[in-house]
């Protein structure tokens, strides 16, 4: 790898529903992190390129993401050079708060038995933030929907019975098995459900 580049790992942490904080630790203050930035037409700072040897490569940071802050310092009103300097001047820890410009699409379709809530995962490993459990009647139901969930703004609610995932029926399966079906789904996740109340 190029001198000055720091191979390493970056961690992903959700700060709230709108933004995502992606972090890495530089090997030294002078080490580069391999993220190129540019200003768009609206004055936002956009990730234009991520070097393949960057510790951010392969994380939730993507080209096209809007940069909201660096180590808690808001970047609004800055140009790309000033934001790049914030990264370079960071001692070792670099927290890049971003906003996805390609937001997951959430739709709902009414069907004969209940409804279908759909959301698109940004990557296969993306968590969807839904906890399932089995109720007294042995049915798989939504026990909680996290505020960071892709389905938070959909019509899926806590207590709804889950009938199928991407047209695969949930009958006879445990909550863990149904959760695994959601985790293993790529791209769009269609949850067919019905309201139990």
C-alpha atoms as a PDB file:
ATOM      1  CA  UNK A   1       0.000   0.000   0.000  1.00  0.00           C
ATOM      2  CA  UNK A   2       1.051   3.607  -0.444  1.00  0.00           C
ATOM      3  CA  UNK A   3       3.215   5.110   2.325  1.00  0.00           C
ATOM      4  CA  UNK A   4       1.089   7.074   4.756  1.00  0.00           C
ATOM      5  CA  UNK A   5      -2.023   4.981   4.180  1.00  0.00           C
ATOM      6  CA  UNK A   6      -3.204   3.082   7.207  1.00  0.00           C
ATOM      7  CA  UNK A   7      -4.813  -0.308   6.670  1.00  0.00           C
ATOM      8  CA  UNK A   8      -7.173  -0.995   9.523  1.00  0.00           C
ATOM      9  CA  UNK A   9     -10.778  -1.400  10.473  1.00  0.00           C
ATOM     10  CA  UNK A  10     -13.526   1.140  10.808  1.00  0.00           C
ATOM     11  CA  UNK A  11     -16.565   0.673  12.993  1.00  0.00           C
ATOM     12  CA  UNK A  12     -20.135   1.603  12.197  1.00  0.00           C
ATOM     13  CA  UNK A  13     -22.389   3.151  14.830  1.00  0.00           C
ATOM     14  CA  UNK A  14     -25.873   4.515  14.420  1.00  0.00           C
ATOM     15  CA  UNK A  15     -26.318   7.886  16.084  1.00  0.00           C
ATOM     16  CA  UNK A  16     -29.949   8.404  15.085  1.00  0.00           C
ATOM     17  CA  UNK A  17     -32.351   7.635  12.259  1.00  0.00           C
ATOM     18  CA  UNK A  18     -31.151  10.374   9.919  1.00  0.00           C
ATOM     19  CA  UNK A  19     -27.388  10.003  10.107  1.00  0.00           C
ATOM     20  CA  UNK A  20     -24.725   7.354  10.514  1.00  0.00           C
ATOM     21  CA  UNK A  21     -21.347   7.746  12.217  1.00  0.00           C
ATOM     22  CA  UNK A  22     -18.474   5.763  10.700  1.00  0.00           C
ATOM     23  CA  UNK A  23     -15.247   5.726  12.741  1.00  0.00           C
ATOM     24  CA  UNK A  24     -11.616   4.728  12.350  1.00  0.00           C
ATOM     25  CA  UNK A  25      -8.379   5.194  14.282  1.00  0.00           C
ATOM     26  CA  UNK A  26      -5.383   6.582  12.400  1.00  0.00           C
ATOM     27  CA  UNK A  27      -2.037   4.902  13.087  1.00  0.00           C
ATOM     28  CA  UNK A  28      -0.600   8.371  13.625  1.00  0.00           C
ATOM     29  CA  UNK A  29      -1.763  11.979  13.381  1.00  0.00           C
ATOM     30  CA  UNK A  30      -0.120  12.287   9.930  1.00  0.00           C
ATOM     31  CA  UNK A  31      -1.628   9.074   8.523  1.00  0.00           C
ATOM     32  CA  UNK A  32      -4.123   9.567   5.691  1.00  0.00           C
ATOM     33  CA  UNK A  33      -7.550   7.910   5.748  1.00  0.00           C
ATOM     34  CA  UNK A  34      -8.077   7.679   1.979  1.00  0.00           C
ATOM     35  CA  UNK A  35     -11.367   9.526   1.650  1.00  0.00           C
ATOM     36  CA  UNK A  36     -11.700  12.178  -1.069  1.00  0.00           C
ATOM     37  CA  UNK A  37     -14.331  14.906  -0.726  1.00  0.00           C
ATOM     38  CA  UNK A  38     -15.962  17.456  -3.036  1.00  0.00           C
ATOM     39  CA  UNK A  39     -18.571  20.216  -2.751  1.00  0.00           C
ATOM     40  CA  UNK A  40     -21.803  19.696  -4.680  1.00  0.00           C
ATOM     41  CA  UNK A  41     -24.028  22.336  -6.339  1.00  0.00           C
ATOM     42  CA  UNK A  42     -25.929  22.890  -3.075  1.00  0.00           C
ATOM     43  CA  UNK A  43     -22.758  23.444  -1.047  1.00  0.00           C
ATOM     44  CA  UNK A  44     -22.871  20.048   0.664  1.00  0.00           C
ATOM     45  CA  UNK A  45     -19.657  18.095   1.198  1.00  0.00           C
ATOM     46  CA  UNK A  46     -19.888  14.775  -0.650  1.00  0.00           C
ATOM     47  CA  UNK A  47     -17.658  11.683  -0.484  1.00  0.00           C
ATOM     48  CA  UNK A  48     -16.297  11.504  -4.048  1.00  0.00           C
ATOM     49  CA  UNK A  49     -13.907   8.552  -3.699  1.00  0.00           C
ATOM     50  CA  UNK A  50     -12.765   5.991  -1.144  1.00  0.00           C
ATOM     51  CA  UNK A  51      -9.309   4.558  -1.761  1.00  0.00           C
ATOM     52  CA  UNK A  52      -9.318   0.707  -1.731  1.00  0.00           C
ATOM     53  CA  UNK A  53      -6.606   0.751   0.978  1.00  0.00           C
ATOM     54  CA  UNK A  54      -8.606   3.173   3.135  1.00  0.00           C
ATOM     55  CA  UNK A  55      -9.739   1.866   6.541  1.00  0.00           C
ATOM     56  CA  UNK A  56     -13.187   3.167   5.503  1.00  0.00           C
ATOM     57  CA  UNK A  57     -13.243   0.950   2.376  1.00  0.00           C
ATOM     58  CA  UNK A  58     -15.949  -1.733   2.715  1.00  0.00           C
ATOM     59  CA  UNK A  59     -17.730   0.020   5.591  1.00  0.00           C
ATOM     60  CA  UNK A  60     -21.060   1.866   5.518  1.00  0.00           C
ATOM     61  CA  UNK A  61     -19.272   4.929   4.101  1.00  0.00           C
ATOM     62  CA  UNK A  62     -20.105   5.159   0.382  1.00  0.00           C
ATOM     63  CA  UNK A  63     -19.321   7.439  -2.511  1.00  0.00           C
ATOM     64  CA  UNK A  64     -22.098  10.017  -2.752  1.00  0.00           C
ATOM     65  CA  UNK A  65     -22.688  10.231   1.033  1.00  0.00           C
ATOM     66  CA  UNK A  66     -23.107  13.754   2.420  1.00  0.00           C
ATOM     67  CA  UNK A  67     -20.692  14.621   5.260  1.00  0.00           C
ATOM     68  CA  UNK A  68     -22.496  16.212   8.238  1.00  0.00           C
ATOM     69  CA  UNK A  69     -19.653  16.469  10.759  1.00  0.00           C
ATOM     70  CA  UNK A  70     -16.082  15.383  11.518  1.00  0.00           C
ATOM     71  CA  UNK A  71     -15.421  14.453  15.158  1.00  0.00           C
ATOM     72  CA  UNK A  72     -18.554  16.359  16.149  1.00  0.00           C
ATOM     73  CA  UNK A  73     -17.624  19.554  14.267  1.00  0.00           C
ATOM     74  CA  UNK A  74     -20.434  20.427  11.850  1.00  0.00           C
ATOM     75  CA  UNK A  75     -19.216  20.920   8.264  1.00  0.00           C
ATOM     76  CA  UNK A  76     -22.069  23.160   7.072  1.00  0.00           C
ATOM     77  CA  UNK A  77     -20.641  26.269   5.390  1.00  0.00           C
ATOM     78  CA  UNK A  78     -17.185  24.709   4.873  1.00  0.00           C
ATOM     79  CA  UNK A  79     -15.624  23.786   1.548  1.00  0.00           C
ATOM     80  CA  UNK A  80     -14.133  20.373   0.736  1.00  0.00           C
ATOM     81  CA  UNK A  81     -10.595  21.565   1.536  1.00  0.00           C
ATOM     82  CA  UNK A  82     -11.582  22.752   5.025  1.00  0.00           C
ATOM     83  CA  UNK A  83     -13.339  19.449   5.802  1.00  0.00           C
ATOM     84  CA  UNK A  84     -10.352  17.453   4.507  1.00  0.00           C
ATOM     85  CA  UNK A  85      -8.163  19.539   6.845  1.00  0.00           C
ATOM     86  CA  UNK A  86     -10.426  18.571   9.801  1.00  0.00           C
ATOM     87  CA  UNK A  87      -9.742  14.901   9.005  1.00  0.00           C
ATOM     88  CA  UNK A  88      -6.003  15.505   8.573  1.00  0.00           C
ATOM     89  CA  UNK A  89      -5.803  17.512  11.823  1.00  0.00           C
ATOM     90  CA  UNK A  90      -7.572  14.826  13.872  1.00  0.00           C
ATOM     91  CA  UNK A  91      -5.190  13.231  16.365  1.00  0.00           C
ATOM     92  CA  UNK A  92      -6.044   9.562  15.757  1.00  0.00           C
ATOM     93  CA  UNK A  93      -9.794   8.953  16.074  1.00  0.00           C
ATOM     94  CA  UNK A  94     -11.853  10.029  13.052  1.00  0.00           C
ATOM     95  CA  UNK A  95     -15.653  10.031  13.356  1.00  0.00           C
ATOM     96  CA  UNK A  96     -17.344  10.917  10.065  1.00  0.00           C
ATOM     97  CA  UNK A  97     -21.049  11.610  10.472  1.00  0.00           C
ATOM     98  CA  UNK A  98     -22.818  11.103   7.159  1.00  0.00           C
ATOM     99  CA  UNK A  99     -26.239  11.233   5.622  1.00  0.00           C
ATOM    100  CA  UNK A 100     -27.084   8.674   2.963  1.00  0.00           C
ATOM    101  CA  UNK A 101     -28.096  10.379  -0.261  1.00  0.00           C
ATOM    102  CA  UNK A 102     -29.648   7.134  -1.491  1.00  0.00           C
ATOM    103  CA  UNK A 103     -32.241   6.474   1.175  1.00  0.00           C
ATOM    104  CA  UNK A 104     -33.950   3.076   1.440  1.00  0.00           C
ATOM    105  CA  UNK A 105     -37.322   2.978  -0.282  1.00  0.00           C
ATOM    106  CA  UNK A 106     -40.182   2.006   2.029  1.00  0.00           C
ATOM    107  CA  UNK A 107     -43.514   0.989   0.529  1.00  0.00           C
ATOM    108  CA  UNK A 108     -46.646  -0.790   1.696  1.00  0.00           C
ATOM    109  CA  UNK A 109     -49.136  -2.759  -0.360  1.00  0.00           C
ATOM    110  CA  UNK A 110     -52.531  -3.955   0.873  1.00  0.00           C
ATOM    111  CA  UNK A 111     -53.125  -7.620  -0.017  1.00  0.00           C
ATOM    112  CA  UNK A 112     -55.957 -10.095   0.646  1.00  0.00           C
ATOM    113  CA  UNK A 113     -54.443 -11.292   3.908  1.00  0.00           C
ATOM    114  CA  UNK A 114     -53.043  -8.159   5.560  1.00  0.00           C
ATOM    115  CA  UNK A 115     -50.354  -6.027   3.895  1.00  0.00           C
ATOM    116  CA  UNK A 116     -46.792  -6.153   2.567  1.00  0.00           C
ATOM    117  CA  UNK A 117     -44.208  -3.728   3.966  1.00  0.00           C
ATOM    118  CA  UNK A 118     -41.096  -3.384   1.790  1.00  0.00           C
ATOM    119  CA  UNK A 119     -37.708  -1.786   2.410  1.00  0.00           C
ATOM    120  CA  UNK A 120     -34.400  -1.948   0.563  1.00  0.00           C
ATOM    121  CA  UNK A 121     -31.273  -2.966   2.453  1.00  0.00           C
ATOM    122  CA  UNK A 122     -28.210  -0.899   1.489  1.00  0.00           C
ATOM    123  CA  UNK A 123     -26.085  -4.041   1.825  1.00  0.00           C
ATOM    124  CA  UNK A 124     -26.729  -7.721   2.553  1.00  0.00           C
ATOM    125  CA  UNK A 125     -25.276  -7.305   6.062  1.00  0.00           C
ATOM    126  CA  UNK A 126     -27.399  -4.249   6.899  1.00  0.00           C
ATOM    127  CA  UNK A 127     -29.531  -4.823   9.966  1.00  0.00           C
ATOM    128  CA  UNK A 128     -33.254  -4.079   9.590  1.00  0.00           C
ATOM    129  CA  UNK A 129     -33.908  -3.337  13.280  1.00  0.00           C
ATOM    130  CA  UNK A 130     -36.920  -5.588  13.895  1.00  0.00           C
ATOM    131  CA  UNK A 131     -37.210  -7.969  16.862  1.00  0.00           C
ATOM    132  CA  UNK A 132     -39.547 -10.946  16.481  1.00  0.00           C
ATOM    133  CA  UNK A 133     -41.104 -13.196  19.100  1.00  0.00           C
ATOM    134  CA  UNK A 134     -43.689 -15.968  19.333  1.00  0.00           C
ATOM    135  CA  UNK A 135     -47.047 -15.105  20.915  1.00  0.00           C
ATOM    136  CA  UNK A 136     -49.312 -17.340  23.039  1.00  0.00           C
ATOM    137  CA  UNK A 137     -50.950 -18.729  19.883  1.00  0.00           C
ATOM    138  CA  UNK A 138     -47.592 -19.796  18.424  1.00  0.00           C
ATOM    139  CA  UNK A 139     -47.591 -17.023  15.790  1.00  0.00           C
ATOM    140  CA  UNK A 140     -44.526 -14.976  14.876  1.00  0.00           C
ATOM    141  CA  UNK A 141     -45.145 -11.339  15.817  1.00  0.00           C
ATOM    142  CA  UNK A 142     -43.146  -8.102  15.793  1.00  0.00           C
ATOM    143  CA  UNK A 143     -42.130  -7.398  19.398  1.00  0.00           C
ATOM    144  CA  UNK A 144     -40.219  -4.190  18.688  1.00  0.00           C
ATOM    145  CA  UNK A 145     -39.122  -1.916  15.844  1.00  0.00           C
ATOM    146  CA  UNK A 146     -35.981   0.108  16.576  1.00  0.00           C
ATOM    147  CA  UNK A 147     -35.937   3.816  15.721  1.00  0.00           C
ATOM    148  CA  UNK A 148     -33.037   3.047  13.348  1.00  0.00           C
ATOM    149  CA  UNK A 149     -35.045   0.341  11.536  1.00  0.00           C
ATOM    150  CA  UNK A 150     -35.581   0.497   7.777  1.00  0.00           C
ATOM    151  CA  UNK A 151     -39.247  -0.264   8.570  1.00  0.00           C
ATOM    152  CA  UNK A 152     -39.640   2.478  11.208  1.00  0.00           C
ATOM    153  CA  UNK A 153     -41.646   4.701   8.820  1.00  0.00           C
ATOM    154  CA  UNK A 154     -43.610   1.841   7.252  1.00  0.00           C
ATOM    155  CA  UNK A 155     -47.045   0.610   8.342  1.00  0.00           C
ATOM    156  CA  UNK A 156     -45.463  -2.391  10.127  1.00  0.00           C
ATOM    157  CA  UNK A 157     -46.242  -2.103  13.845  1.00  0.00           C
ATOM    158  CA  UNK A 158     -45.357  -3.893  17.066  1.00  0.00           C
ATOM    159  CA  UNK A 159     -47.783  -6.770  17.595  1.00  0.00           C
ATOM    160  CA  UNK A 160     -48.315  -7.430  13.859  1.00  0.00           C
ATOM    161  CA  UNK A 161     -48.217 -11.097  12.845  1.00  0.00           C
ATOM    162  CA  UNK A 162     -45.522 -11.907  10.263  1.00  0.00           C
ATOM    163  CA  UNK A 163     -46.878 -14.230   7.541  1.00  0.00           C
ATOM    164  CA  UNK A 164     -43.988 -14.405   5.069  1.00  0.00           C
ATOM    165  CA  UNK A 165     -40.620 -12.940   4.113  1.00  0.00           C
ATOM    166  CA  UNK A 166     -40.087 -12.429   0.366  1.00  0.00           C
ATOM    167  CA  UNK A 167     -42.953 -14.882  -0.313  1.00  0.00           C
ATOM    168  CA  UNK A 168     -41.449 -17.588   1.934  1.00  0.00           C
ATOM    169  CA  UNK A 169     -44.037 -18.601   4.526  1.00  0.00           C
ATOM    170  CA  UNK A 170     -43.231 -18.392   8.233  1.00  0.00           C
ATOM    171  CA  UNK A 171     -45.510 -21.250   9.335  1.00  0.00           C
ATOM    172  CA  UNK A 172     -43.758 -23.725  11.648  1.00  0.00           C
ATOM    173  CA  UNK A 173     -40.644 -21.536  11.938  1.00  0.00           C
ATOM    174  CA  UNK A 174     -39.186 -20.046  15.121  1.00  0.00           C
ATOM    175  CA  UNK A 175     -38.665 -16.275  15.564  1.00  0.00           C
ATOM    176  CA  UNK A 176     -34.916 -16.904  15.146  1.00  0.00           C
ATOM    177  CA  UNK A 177     -35.450 -18.717  11.837  1.00  0.00           C
ATOM    178  CA  UNK A 178     -37.661 -15.910  10.500  1.00  0.00           C
ATOM    179  CA  UNK A 179     -35.104 -13.303  11.645  1.00  0.00           C
ATOM    180  CA  UNK A 180     -32.454 -15.286   9.736  1.00  0.00           C
ATOM    181  CA  UNK A 181     -34.645 -15.158   6.597  1.00  0.00           C
ATOM    182  CA  UNK A 182     -34.669 -11.356   6.886  1.00  0.00           C
ATOM    183  CA  UNK A 183     -30.907 -11.196   7.544  1.00  0.00           C
ATOM    184  CA  UNK A 184     -30.089 -13.392   4.548  1.00  0.00           C
ATOM    185  CA  UNK A 185     -32.309 -11.424   2.161  1.00  0.00           C
ATOM    186  CA  UNK A 186     -30.471  -9.229  -0.334  1.00  0.00           C
ATOM    187  CA  UNK A 187     -31.843  -5.953  -1.665  1.00  0.00           C
ATOM    188  CA  UNK A 188     -35.559  -5.534  -1.089  1.00  0.00           C
ATOM    189  CA  UNK A 189     -37.159  -7.185   1.938  1.00  0.00           C
ATOM    190  CA  UNK A 190     -40.917  -7.805   1.620  1.00  0.00           C
ATOM    191  CA  UNK A 191     -42.575  -8.579   4.943  1.00  0.00           C
ATOM    192  CA  UNK A 192     -46.145  -9.817   4.571  1.00  0.00           C
ATOM    193  CA  UNK A 193     -47.967  -9.187   7.838  1.00  0.00           C
ATOM    194  CA  UNK A 194     -51.375  -8.712   9.338  1.00  0.00           C
ATOM    195  CA  UNK A 195     -52.518  -6.560  12.217  1.00  0.00           C
ATOM    196  CA  UNK A 196     -53.527  -8.670  15.206  1.00  0.00           C
ATOM    197  CA  UNK A 197     -55.484  -5.922  16.982  1.00  0.00           C
END
